[in-house]
C-alpha cells in the first residue's frame, strides 16, 4: 500500500497528496502474448470494454492538476470471462506498470494516459 501511496504522490513522512483531476476516460494498451498483437483500448469512466477474453471496467482515471498528459493512474476491474474470475482489481499507474500489474498468462494490460474529451 505504501508503494502505491508513493506513486500517487504521498511521501512516507508527509500527509500531503498530489493534487489530481478526474478525467473522462482512459487509453489502455493490451498485449496478446501468444499472437504478439498490440491493441489500444479507449474507454470512458464507468464503461466496460472487451479485450478478447477479458472484460475491463474503468472506474476512474486521474492525472496531475493542469497536466492531462502527465502521469495517469486508473482504477480498473478486469475479469477473465473464460474462467469467470477477477484477474485484477485496483489502481494501475502509467509511469510504473510493474507497481500494480495484472497477472495473466496470456494478456498484459497497461495504462497509457487519461483522456479529457
N, C-alpha and C. Protein backbone atom coordinates (compact mmCIF):
# COMPACT_ATOMS: atom_id res chain seq x y z
N UNK A 1 0.82 -1.19 0.00
CA UNK A 1 0.00 0.00 0.00
C UNK A 1 0.87 1.25 0.00
N UNK A 2 1.99 1.19 0.74
CA UNK A 2 2.89 2.34 0.79
C UNK A 2 3.46 2.62 -0.59
N UNK A 3 3.81 1.58 -1.36
CA UNK A 3 4.34 1.80 -2.70
C UNK A 3 3.34 2.55 -3.57
N UNK A 4 2.07 2.19 -3.50
CA UNK A 4 1.04 2.88 -4.29
C UNK A 4 0.88 4.31 -3.82
N UNK A 5 0.92 4.54 -2.51
CA UNK A 5 0.81 5.89 -1.98
C UNK A 5 1.96 6.75 -2.47
N UNK A 6 3.16 6.20 -2.51
CA UNK A 6 4.30 6.95 -3.00
C UNK A 6 4.14 7.27 -4.48
N UNK A 7 3.65 6.32 -5.25
CA UNK A 7 3.44 6.55 -6.68
C UNK A 7 2.38 7.61 -6.94
N UNK A 8 1.44 7.72 -6.02
CA UNK A 8 0.37 8.69 -6.18
C UNK A 8 0.73 10.05 -5.60
N UNK A 9 1.97 10.18 -5.11
CA UNK A 9 2.44 11.48 -4.65
C UNK A 9 2.37 11.69 -3.15
N UNK A 10 2.20 10.64 -2.36
CA UNK A 10 2.16 10.76 -0.92
C UNK A 10 3.51 10.30 -0.39
N UNK A 11 4.21 11.17 0.28
CA UNK A 11 5.51 10.78 0.83
C UNK A 11 5.31 10.05 2.15
N UNK A 12 6.31 9.27 2.54
CA UNK A 12 6.21 8.48 3.77
C UNK A 12 6.14 9.37 5.00
N UNK A 13 6.77 10.57 4.94
CA UNK A 13 6.80 11.41 6.11
C UNK A 13 5.80 12.55 6.08
N UNK A 14 5.13 12.74 4.99
CA UNK A 14 4.19 13.86 4.88
C UNK A 14 2.79 13.36 4.60
N UNK A 15 1.81 14.15 5.03
CA UNK A 15 0.42 13.75 4.84
C UNK A 15 -0.20 14.46 3.64
N UNK A 16 0.61 15.14 2.82
CA UNK A 16 0.07 15.85 1.67
C UNK A 16 0.11 14.96 0.45
N UNK A 17 -0.94 15.01 -0.33
CA UNK A 17 -1.03 14.21 -1.55
C UNK A 17 -0.97 15.13 -2.76
N UNK A 18 -0.55 14.57 -3.87
CA UNK A 18 -0.50 15.31 -5.13
C UNK A 18 -1.93 15.69 -5.51
N UNK A 19 -2.12 16.90 -6.00
CA UNK A 19 -3.44 17.34 -6.44
C UNK A 19 -3.72 16.73 -7.81
N UNK A 20 -4.89 16.12 -7.96
CA UNK A 20 -5.23 15.43 -9.20
C UNK A 20 -6.57 15.89 -9.74
N UNK A 21 -6.75 15.68 -11.03
CA UNK A 21 -8.02 15.94 -11.70
C UNK A 21 -8.61 14.62 -12.18
N UNK A 22 -9.91 14.56 -12.20
CA UNK A 22 -10.63 13.38 -12.70
C UNK A 22 -10.80 13.52 -14.21
N UNK A 23 -10.44 12.50 -14.95
CA UNK A 23 -10.57 12.51 -16.41
C UNK A 23 -11.86 11.84 -16.83
N UNK A 24 -12.24 12.09 -18.08
CA UNK A 24 -13.45 11.47 -18.64
C UNK A 24 -13.21 10.02 -19.03
N UNK A 25 -11.98 9.66 -19.33
CA UNK A 25 -11.70 8.30 -19.78
C UNK A 25 -10.23 7.97 -19.75
N UNK A 26 -9.88 6.88 -20.42
CA UNK A 26 -8.51 6.37 -20.39
C UNK A 26 -8.18 5.71 -21.73
N UNK A 27 -6.90 5.67 -22.03
CA UNK A 27 -6.40 4.83 -23.13
C UNK A 27 -5.50 3.78 -22.50
N UNK A 28 -5.86 2.53 -22.73
CA UNK A 28 -5.09 1.39 -22.24
C UNK A 28 -4.39 0.73 -23.42
N UNK A 29 -3.32 0.04 -23.15
CA UNK A 29 -2.67 -0.77 -24.18
C UNK A 29 -2.70 -2.21 -23.71
N UNK A 30 -3.19 -3.09 -24.59
CA UNK A 30 -3.26 -4.51 -24.30
C UNK A 30 -2.35 -5.29 -25.22
N UNK A 31 -1.77 -6.35 -24.70
CA UNK A 31 -0.90 -7.23 -25.47
C UNK A 31 -1.39 -8.66 -25.35
N UNK A 32 -1.60 -9.31 -26.48
CA UNK A 32 -1.85 -10.75 -26.52
C UNK A 32 -0.48 -11.40 -26.65
N UNK A 33 0.00 -12.03 -25.58
CA UNK A 33 1.36 -12.58 -25.56
C UNK A 33 1.54 -13.75 -26.51
N UNK A 34 0.47 -14.40 -26.92
CA UNK A 34 0.58 -15.54 -27.82
C UNK A 34 0.68 -15.07 -29.27
N UNK A 35 -0.20 -14.18 -29.68
CA UNK A 35 -0.18 -13.72 -31.08
C UNK A 35 0.78 -12.55 -31.30
N UNK A 36 1.15 -11.86 -30.23
CA UNK A 36 2.01 -10.70 -30.35
C UNK A 36 1.27 -9.44 -30.76
N UNK A 37 -0.04 -9.50 -30.87
CA UNK A 37 -0.85 -8.34 -31.27
C UNK A 37 -0.95 -7.34 -30.12
N UNK A 38 -0.83 -6.06 -30.47
CA UNK A 38 -0.95 -4.97 -29.51
C UNK A 38 -2.21 -4.18 -29.87
N UNK A 39 -2.99 -3.84 -28.86
CA UNK A 39 -4.25 -3.13 -29.06
C UNK A 39 -4.30 -1.91 -28.15
N UNK A 40 -4.81 -0.79 -28.67
CA UNK A 40 -5.13 0.36 -27.84
C UNK A 40 -6.63 0.34 -27.57
N UNK A 41 -6.98 0.52 -26.30
CA UNK A 41 -8.37 0.43 -25.87
C UNK A 41 -8.74 1.77 -25.25
N UNK A 42 -9.70 2.47 -25.85
CA UNK A 42 -10.14 3.75 -25.32
C UNK A 42 -11.49 3.55 -24.64
N UNK A 43 -11.59 4.03 -23.41
CA UNK A 43 -12.80 3.83 -22.62
C UNK A 43 -13.18 5.11 -21.89
N UNK A 44 -14.45 5.26 -21.58
CA UNK A 44 -14.96 6.33 -20.73
C UNK A 44 -15.16 5.78 -19.32
N UNK A 45 -15.12 6.66 -18.32
CA UNK A 45 -15.35 6.24 -16.94
C UNK A 45 -16.72 5.57 -16.80
N UNK A 46 -16.75 4.46 -16.10
CA UNK A 46 -17.98 3.71 -15.91
C UNK A 46 -18.25 2.70 -17.01
N UNK A 47 -17.49 2.75 -18.10
CA UNK A 47 -17.71 1.87 -19.24
C UNK A 47 -16.98 0.53 -19.04
N UNK A 48 -17.54 -0.50 -19.67
CA UNK A 48 -16.91 -1.82 -19.70
C UNK A 48 -16.60 -2.15 -21.15
N UNK A 49 -15.37 -2.61 -21.39
CA UNK A 49 -14.94 -2.95 -22.75
C UNK A 49 -14.40 -4.38 -22.77
N UNK A 50 -14.48 -4.99 -23.93
CA UNK A 50 -13.95 -6.35 -24.11
C UNK A 50 -12.58 -6.27 -24.79
N UNK A 51 -11.65 -7.03 -24.28
CA UNK A 51 -10.34 -7.23 -24.91
C UNK A 51 -10.14 -8.73 -24.97
N UNK A 52 -10.56 -9.31 -26.09
CA UNK A 52 -10.56 -10.76 -26.30
C UNK A 52 -11.32 -11.43 -25.15
N UNK A 53 -10.66 -12.20 -24.30
CA UNK A 53 -11.35 -12.91 -23.22
C UNK A 53 -11.41 -12.11 -21.93
N UNK A 54 -10.97 -10.85 -21.98
CA UNK A 54 -11.00 -10.02 -20.78
C UNK A 54 -12.13 -9.00 -20.88
N UNK A 55 -12.76 -8.75 -19.76
CA UNK A 55 -13.79 -7.73 -19.64
C UNK A 55 -13.22 -6.67 -18.69
N UNK A 56 -13.01 -5.45 -19.20
CA UNK A 56 -12.35 -4.39 -18.45
C UNK A 56 -13.35 -3.30 -18.10
N UNK A 57 -13.41 -2.94 -16.83
CA UNK A 57 -14.28 -1.85 -16.38
C UNK A 57 -13.41 -0.74 -15.82
N UNK A 58 -13.62 0.48 -16.34
CA UNK A 58 -12.90 1.65 -15.85
C UNK A 58 -13.76 2.35 -14.80
N UNK A 59 -13.24 2.44 -13.59
CA UNK A 59 -13.94 3.13 -12.52
C UNK A 59 -13.52 4.59 -12.42
N UNK A 60 -12.25 4.89 -12.71
CA UNK A 60 -11.75 6.25 -12.59
C UNK A 60 -10.40 6.36 -13.27
N UNK A 61 -10.11 7.54 -13.83
CA UNK A 61 -8.77 7.85 -14.33
C UNK A 61 -8.43 9.24 -13.83
N UNK A 62 -7.24 9.38 -13.25
CA UNK A 62 -6.81 10.66 -12.66
C UNK A 62 -5.43 11.03 -13.17
N UNK A 63 -5.16 12.34 -13.16
CA UNK A 63 -3.88 12.86 -13.63
C UNK A 63 -3.55 14.11 -12.82
N UNK A 64 -2.27 14.54 -12.81
CA UNK A 64 -1.90 15.74 -12.05
C UNK A 64 -2.67 16.97 -12.54
N UNK A 65 -3.11 17.81 -11.61
CA UNK A 65 -3.87 19.02 -11.94
C UNK A 65 -3.09 19.85 -12.96
N UNK A 66 -3.79 20.26 -14.01
CA UNK A 66 -3.20 21.11 -15.03
C UNK A 66 -2.26 20.41 -15.99
N UNK A 67 -2.15 19.10 -15.89
CA UNK A 67 -1.22 18.37 -16.75
C UNK A 67 -1.86 17.06 -17.24
N UNK A 68 -2.82 17.14 -18.17
CA UNK A 68 -3.51 15.94 -18.62
C UNK A 68 -2.59 14.93 -19.31
N UNK A 69 -1.44 15.40 -19.80
CA UNK A 69 -0.51 14.44 -20.42
C UNK A 69 0.47 13.89 -19.38
N UNK A 70 0.28 14.28 -18.11
CA UNK A 70 1.15 13.81 -17.03
C UNK A 70 0.83 12.38 -16.63
N UNK A 71 1.44 11.97 -15.56
CA UNK A 71 1.33 10.59 -15.09
C UNK A 71 -0.10 10.22 -14.73
N UNK A 72 -0.68 9.31 -15.48
CA UNK A 72 -2.05 8.87 -15.25
C UNK A 72 -2.08 7.66 -14.33
N UNK A 73 -3.17 7.54 -13.59
CA UNK A 73 -3.43 6.30 -12.86
C UNK A 73 -4.92 6.03 -12.93
N UNK A 74 -5.24 4.74 -13.11
CA UNK A 74 -6.62 4.35 -13.37
C UNK A 74 -7.06 3.22 -12.44
N UNK A 75 -8.30 3.32 -11.97
CA UNK A 75 -8.91 2.26 -11.17
C UNK A 75 -9.66 1.35 -12.13
N UNK A 76 -9.22 0.10 -12.18
CA UNK A 76 -9.76 -0.87 -13.13
C UNK A 76 -10.20 -2.14 -12.44
N UNK A 77 -11.16 -2.81 -13.06
CA UNK A 77 -11.51 -4.17 -12.70
C UNK A 77 -11.46 -4.98 -13.98
N UNK A 78 -10.70 -6.08 -13.96
CA UNK A 78 -10.53 -6.92 -15.14
C UNK A 78 -10.97 -8.34 -14.79
N UNK A 79 -11.90 -8.85 -15.60
CA UNK A 79 -12.43 -10.20 -15.39
C UNK A 79 -12.10 -11.07 -16.59
N UNK A 80 -11.59 -12.28 -16.34
CA UNK A 80 -11.38 -13.27 -17.40
C UNK A 80 -12.71 -13.99 -17.58
N UNK A 81 -13.39 -13.74 -18.70
CA UNK A 81 -14.73 -14.30 -18.88
C UNK A 81 -14.71 -15.81 -19.11
N UNK A 82 -13.57 -16.36 -19.55
CA UNK A 82 -13.47 -17.81 -19.72
C UNK A 82 -13.46 -18.54 -18.38
N UNK A 83 -12.89 -17.90 -17.36
CA UNK A 83 -12.81 -18.52 -16.03
C UNK A 83 -13.78 -17.91 -15.03
N UNK A 84 -14.48 -16.86 -15.45
CA UNK A 84 -15.41 -16.14 -14.57
C UNK A 84 -14.73 -15.72 -13.27
N UNK A 85 -13.51 -15.17 -13.39
CA UNK A 85 -12.82 -14.72 -12.19
C UNK A 85 -12.15 -13.36 -12.44
N UNK A 86 -12.07 -12.59 -11.38
CA UNK A 86 -11.41 -11.31 -11.45
C UNK A 86 -9.90 -11.54 -11.44
N UNK A 87 -9.20 -11.01 -12.45
CA UNK A 87 -7.75 -11.17 -12.54
C UNK A 87 -7.01 -9.90 -12.11
N UNK A 88 -7.74 -8.79 -12.01
CA UNK A 88 -7.15 -7.56 -11.50
C UNK A 88 -8.26 -6.66 -10.99
N UNK A 89 -8.00 -6.02 -9.86
CA UNK A 89 -8.91 -5.02 -9.32
C UNK A 89 -8.08 -4.05 -8.49
N UNK A 90 -8.01 -2.80 -8.97
CA UNK A 90 -7.21 -1.81 -8.24
C UNK A 90 -6.73 -0.72 -9.16
N UNK A 91 -5.68 -0.03 -8.71
CA UNK A 91 -5.11 1.09 -9.45
C UNK A 91 -3.91 0.64 -10.26
N UNK A 92 -3.86 1.08 -11.52
CA UNK A 92 -2.68 0.91 -12.37
C UNK A 92 -2.09 2.29 -12.60
N UNK A 93 -0.76 2.39 -12.52
CA UNK A 93 -0.07 3.66 -12.68
C UNK A 93 0.72 3.62 -13.99
N UNK A 94 0.51 4.63 -14.84
CA UNK A 94 1.15 4.65 -16.16
C UNK A 94 2.67 4.65 -16.08
N UNK A 95 3.25 5.41 -15.17
CA UNK A 95 4.70 5.52 -15.11
C UNK A 95 5.36 4.34 -14.41
N UNK A 96 4.59 3.50 -13.76
CA UNK A 96 5.14 2.36 -13.04
C UNK A 96 4.24 1.14 -13.23
N UNK A 97 4.18 0.58 -14.46
CA UNK A 97 3.26 -0.52 -14.72
C UNK A 97 3.52 -1.76 -13.86
N UNK A 98 4.75 -1.97 -13.42
CA UNK A 98 5.05 -3.14 -12.60
C UNK A 98 4.64 -2.95 -11.14
N UNK A 99 4.36 -1.71 -10.75
CA UNK A 99 3.97 -1.42 -9.37
C UNK A 99 2.70 -2.16 -8.97
N UNK A 100 1.74 -2.17 -9.86
CA UNK A 100 0.47 -2.86 -9.61
C UNK A 100 0.02 -3.48 -10.93
N UNK A 101 0.66 -4.57 -11.29
CA UNK A 101 0.44 -5.19 -12.60
C UNK A 101 -0.63 -6.27 -12.55
N UNK A 102 -1.27 -6.47 -13.70
CA UNK A 102 -2.23 -7.56 -13.85
C UNK A 102 -1.43 -8.84 -14.11
N UNK A 103 -1.78 -9.90 -13.41
CA UNK A 103 -1.10 -11.18 -13.58
C UNK A 103 -1.99 -12.12 -14.38
N UNK A 104 -1.67 -12.28 -15.67
CA UNK A 104 -2.44 -13.16 -16.54
C UNK A 104 -1.48 -13.90 -17.47
N UNK A 105 -1.74 -15.16 -17.71
CA UNK A 105 -0.84 -15.98 -18.53
C UNK A 105 -0.78 -15.51 -19.99
N UNK A 106 -1.88 -15.01 -20.53
CA UNK A 106 -1.92 -14.67 -21.95
C UNK A 106 -1.88 -13.17 -22.25
N UNK A 107 -2.42 -12.33 -21.36
CA UNK A 107 -2.59 -10.92 -21.67
C UNK A 107 -1.82 -10.02 -20.71
N UNK A 108 -1.33 -8.91 -21.24
CA UNK A 108 -0.80 -7.81 -20.44
C UNK A 108 -1.65 -6.59 -20.72
N UNK A 109 -1.73 -5.71 -19.75
CA UNK A 109 -2.54 -4.50 -19.86
C UNK A 109 -1.82 -3.37 -19.15
N UNK A 110 -1.73 -2.19 -19.81
CA UNK A 110 -1.08 -1.01 -19.23
C UNK A 110 -1.97 0.21 -19.40
N UNK A 111 -1.81 1.16 -18.51
CA UNK A 111 -2.43 2.48 -18.65
C UNK A 111 -1.46 3.33 -19.47
N UNK A 112 -1.97 3.95 -20.53
CA UNK A 112 -1.15 4.85 -21.35
C UNK A 112 -1.35 6.30 -20.88
N UNK A 113 -2.62 6.73 -20.85
CA UNK A 113 -2.91 8.10 -20.42
C UNK A 113 -4.42 8.26 -20.20
N UNK A 114 -4.76 9.32 -19.51
CA UNK A 114 -6.16 9.69 -19.34
C UNK A 114 -6.60 10.50 -20.55
N UNK A 115 -7.89 10.49 -20.82
CA UNK A 115 -8.45 11.33 -21.88
C UNK A 115 -9.37 12.36 -21.24
N UNK A 116 -9.37 13.58 -21.80
CA UNK A 116 -10.16 14.65 -21.23
C UNK A 116 -11.33 15.06 -22.10
N UNK A 117 -11.45 14.46 -23.28
CA UNK A 117 -12.60 14.78 -24.14
C UNK A 117 -12.99 13.59 -24.97
